[in-house]
Amino acid sequence: MELFYLPSCSPESNDIELVRRQAKYEDYPQRTQTSTDDIGQAVDEALTRRRNRIRTSAENFTQAA
């Protein structure tokens, strides 16, 4: 057994951080909402777009295999 220590914060080791970063900068680039409801809707739409891109990518990958 080998013991090694990870840094206390290592977002590059966490897959969800990559998805969150892509959704934030690619799918939600304009932040002009003025109410919390509008912000919530914009975030939901950005995450839906990211989910659809991931699904499409996975479908293309499995079809190619």
C-alpha atoms as a PDB file:
ATOM      1  CA  MET A   1       0.000   0.000   0.000  1.00  0.00           C
ATOM      2  CA  GLU A   2       1.237   3.461  -0.840  1.00  0.00           C
ATOM      3  CA  LEU A   3      -0.064   6.575   0.839  1.00  0.00           C
ATOM      4  CA  PHE A   4       0.002   9.929  -0.906  1.00  0.00           C
ATOM      5  CA  TYR A   5      -1.635  13.224  -0.093  1.00  0.00           C
ATOM      6  CA  LEU A   6      -3.795  15.216  -2.450  1.00  0.00           C
ATOM      7  CA  PRO A   7      -4.007  18.980  -2.255  1.00  0.00           C
ATOM      8  CA  SER A   8      -6.942  20.245  -0.234  1.00  0.00           C
ATOM      9  CA  CYS A   9      -8.493  21.737  -3.372  1.00  0.00           C
ATOM     10  CA  SER A  10      -7.822  19.999  -6.668  1.00  0.00           C
ATOM     11  CA  PRO A  11     -10.610  20.878  -9.111  1.00  0.00           C
ATOM     12  CA  GLU A  12      -8.689  19.337 -12.004  1.00  0.00           C
ATOM     13  CA  SER A  13      -9.202  15.960 -10.318  1.00  0.00           C
ATOM     14  CA  ASN A  14     -12.966  16.362 -10.244  1.00  0.00           C
ATOM     15  CA  ASP A  15     -14.864  15.657 -13.492  1.00  0.00           C
ATOM     16  CA  ILE A  16     -17.855  17.780 -12.500  1.00  0.00           C
ATOM     17  CA  GLU A  17     -15.595  20.842 -12.336  1.00  0.00           C
ATOM     18  CA  LEU A  18     -14.838  20.478 -16.047  1.00  0.00           C
ATOM     19  CA  VAL A  19     -18.551  20.310 -16.865  1.00  0.00           C
ATOM     20  CA  ARG A  20     -19.306  23.285 -14.607  1.00  0.00           C
ATOM     21  CA  ARG A  21     -16.513  25.358 -16.171  1.00  0.00           C
ATOM     22  CA  GLN A  22     -17.691  24.555 -19.701  1.00  0.00           C
ATOM     23  CA  ALA A  23     -21.298  25.391 -18.836  1.00  0.00           C
ATOM     24  CA  LYS A  24     -20.212  28.638 -17.210  1.00  0.00           C
ATOM     25  CA  TYR A  25     -17.990  29.944 -19.993  1.00  0.00           C
ATOM     26  CA  GLU A  26     -19.407  28.316 -23.132  1.00  0.00           C
ATOM     27  CA  ASP A  27     -23.129  27.864 -22.474  1.00  0.00           C
ATOM     28  CA  TYR A  28     -23.764  30.867 -20.219  1.00  0.00           C
ATOM     29  CA  PRO A  29     -21.412  33.535 -21.587  1.00  0.00           C
ATOM     30  CA  GLN A  30     -23.686  36.579 -21.208  1.00  0.00           C
ATOM     31  CA  ARG A  31     -24.737  37.456 -17.709  1.00  0.00           C
ATOM     32  CA  THR A  32     -27.243  40.272 -18.130  1.00  0.00           C
ATOM     33  CA  GLN A  33     -30.110  38.970 -15.998  1.00  0.00           C
ATOM     34  CA  THR A  34     -31.522  41.373 -13.434  1.00  0.00           C
ATOM     35  CA  SER A  35     -33.621  39.096 -11.243  1.00  0.00           C
ATOM     36  CA  THR A  36     -32.929  35.859  -9.417  1.00  0.00           C
ATOM     37  CA  ASP A  37     -35.647  34.092 -11.408  1.00  0.00           C
ATOM     38  CA  ASP A  38     -33.986  35.134 -14.671  1.00  0.00           C
ATOM     39  CA  ILE A  39     -30.602  33.979 -13.385  1.00  0.00           C
ATOM     40  CA  GLY A  40     -32.049  30.611 -12.363  1.00  0.00           C
ATOM     41  CA  GLN A  41     -33.670  30.154 -15.755  1.00  0.00           C
ATOM     42  CA  ALA A  42     -30.456  31.118 -17.589  1.00  0.00           C
ATOM     43  CA  VAL A  43     -28.396  28.675 -15.506  1.00  0.00           C
ATOM     44  CA  ASP A  44     -30.937  25.898 -16.104  1.00  0.00           C
ATOM     45  CA  GLU A  45     -30.785  26.565 -19.848  1.00  0.00           C
ATOM     46  CA  ALA A  46     -26.967  26.566 -19.825  1.00  0.00           C
ATOM     47  CA  LEU A  47     -26.842  23.246 -17.984  1.00  0.00           C
ATOM     48  CA  THR A  48     -29.447  21.778 -20.343  1.00  0.00           C
ATOM     49  CA  ARG A  49     -27.336  22.836 -23.347  1.00  0.00           C
ATOM     50  CA  ARG A  50     -24.241  21.264 -21.750  1.00  0.00           C
ATOM     51  CA  ARG A  51     -26.172  18.044 -21.006  1.00  0.00           C
ATOM     52  CA  ASN A  52     -27.370  17.853 -24.598  1.00  0.00           C
ATOM     53  CA  ARG A  53     -23.823  18.344 -25.889  1.00  0.00           C
ATOM     54  CA  ILE A  54     -22.546  15.566 -23.646  1.00  0.00           C
ATOM     55  CA  ARG A  55     -25.344  13.238 -24.783  1.00  0.00           C
ATOM     56  CA  THR A  56     -24.696  13.999 -28.451  1.00  0.00           C
ATOM     57  CA  SER A  57     -20.992  13.422 -27.972  1.00  0.00           C
ATOM     58  CA  ALA A  58     -21.643  10.104 -26.224  1.00  0.00           C
ATOM     59  CA  GLU A  59     -24.052   8.994 -28.954  1.00  0.00           C
ATOM     60  CA  ASN A  60     -21.529   9.856 -31.663  1.00  0.00           C
ATOM     61  CA  PHE A  61     -18.823   7.982 -29.758  1.00  0.00           C
ATOM     62  CA  THR A  62     -20.914   4.827 -29.383  1.00  0.00           C
ATOM     63  CA  GLN A  63     -22.000   4.917 -33.032  1.00  0.00           C
ATOM     64  CA  ALA A  64     -18.387   5.179 -34.164  1.00  0.00           C
ATOM     65  CA  ALA A  65     -17.447   2.135 -32.080  1.00  0.00           C
END
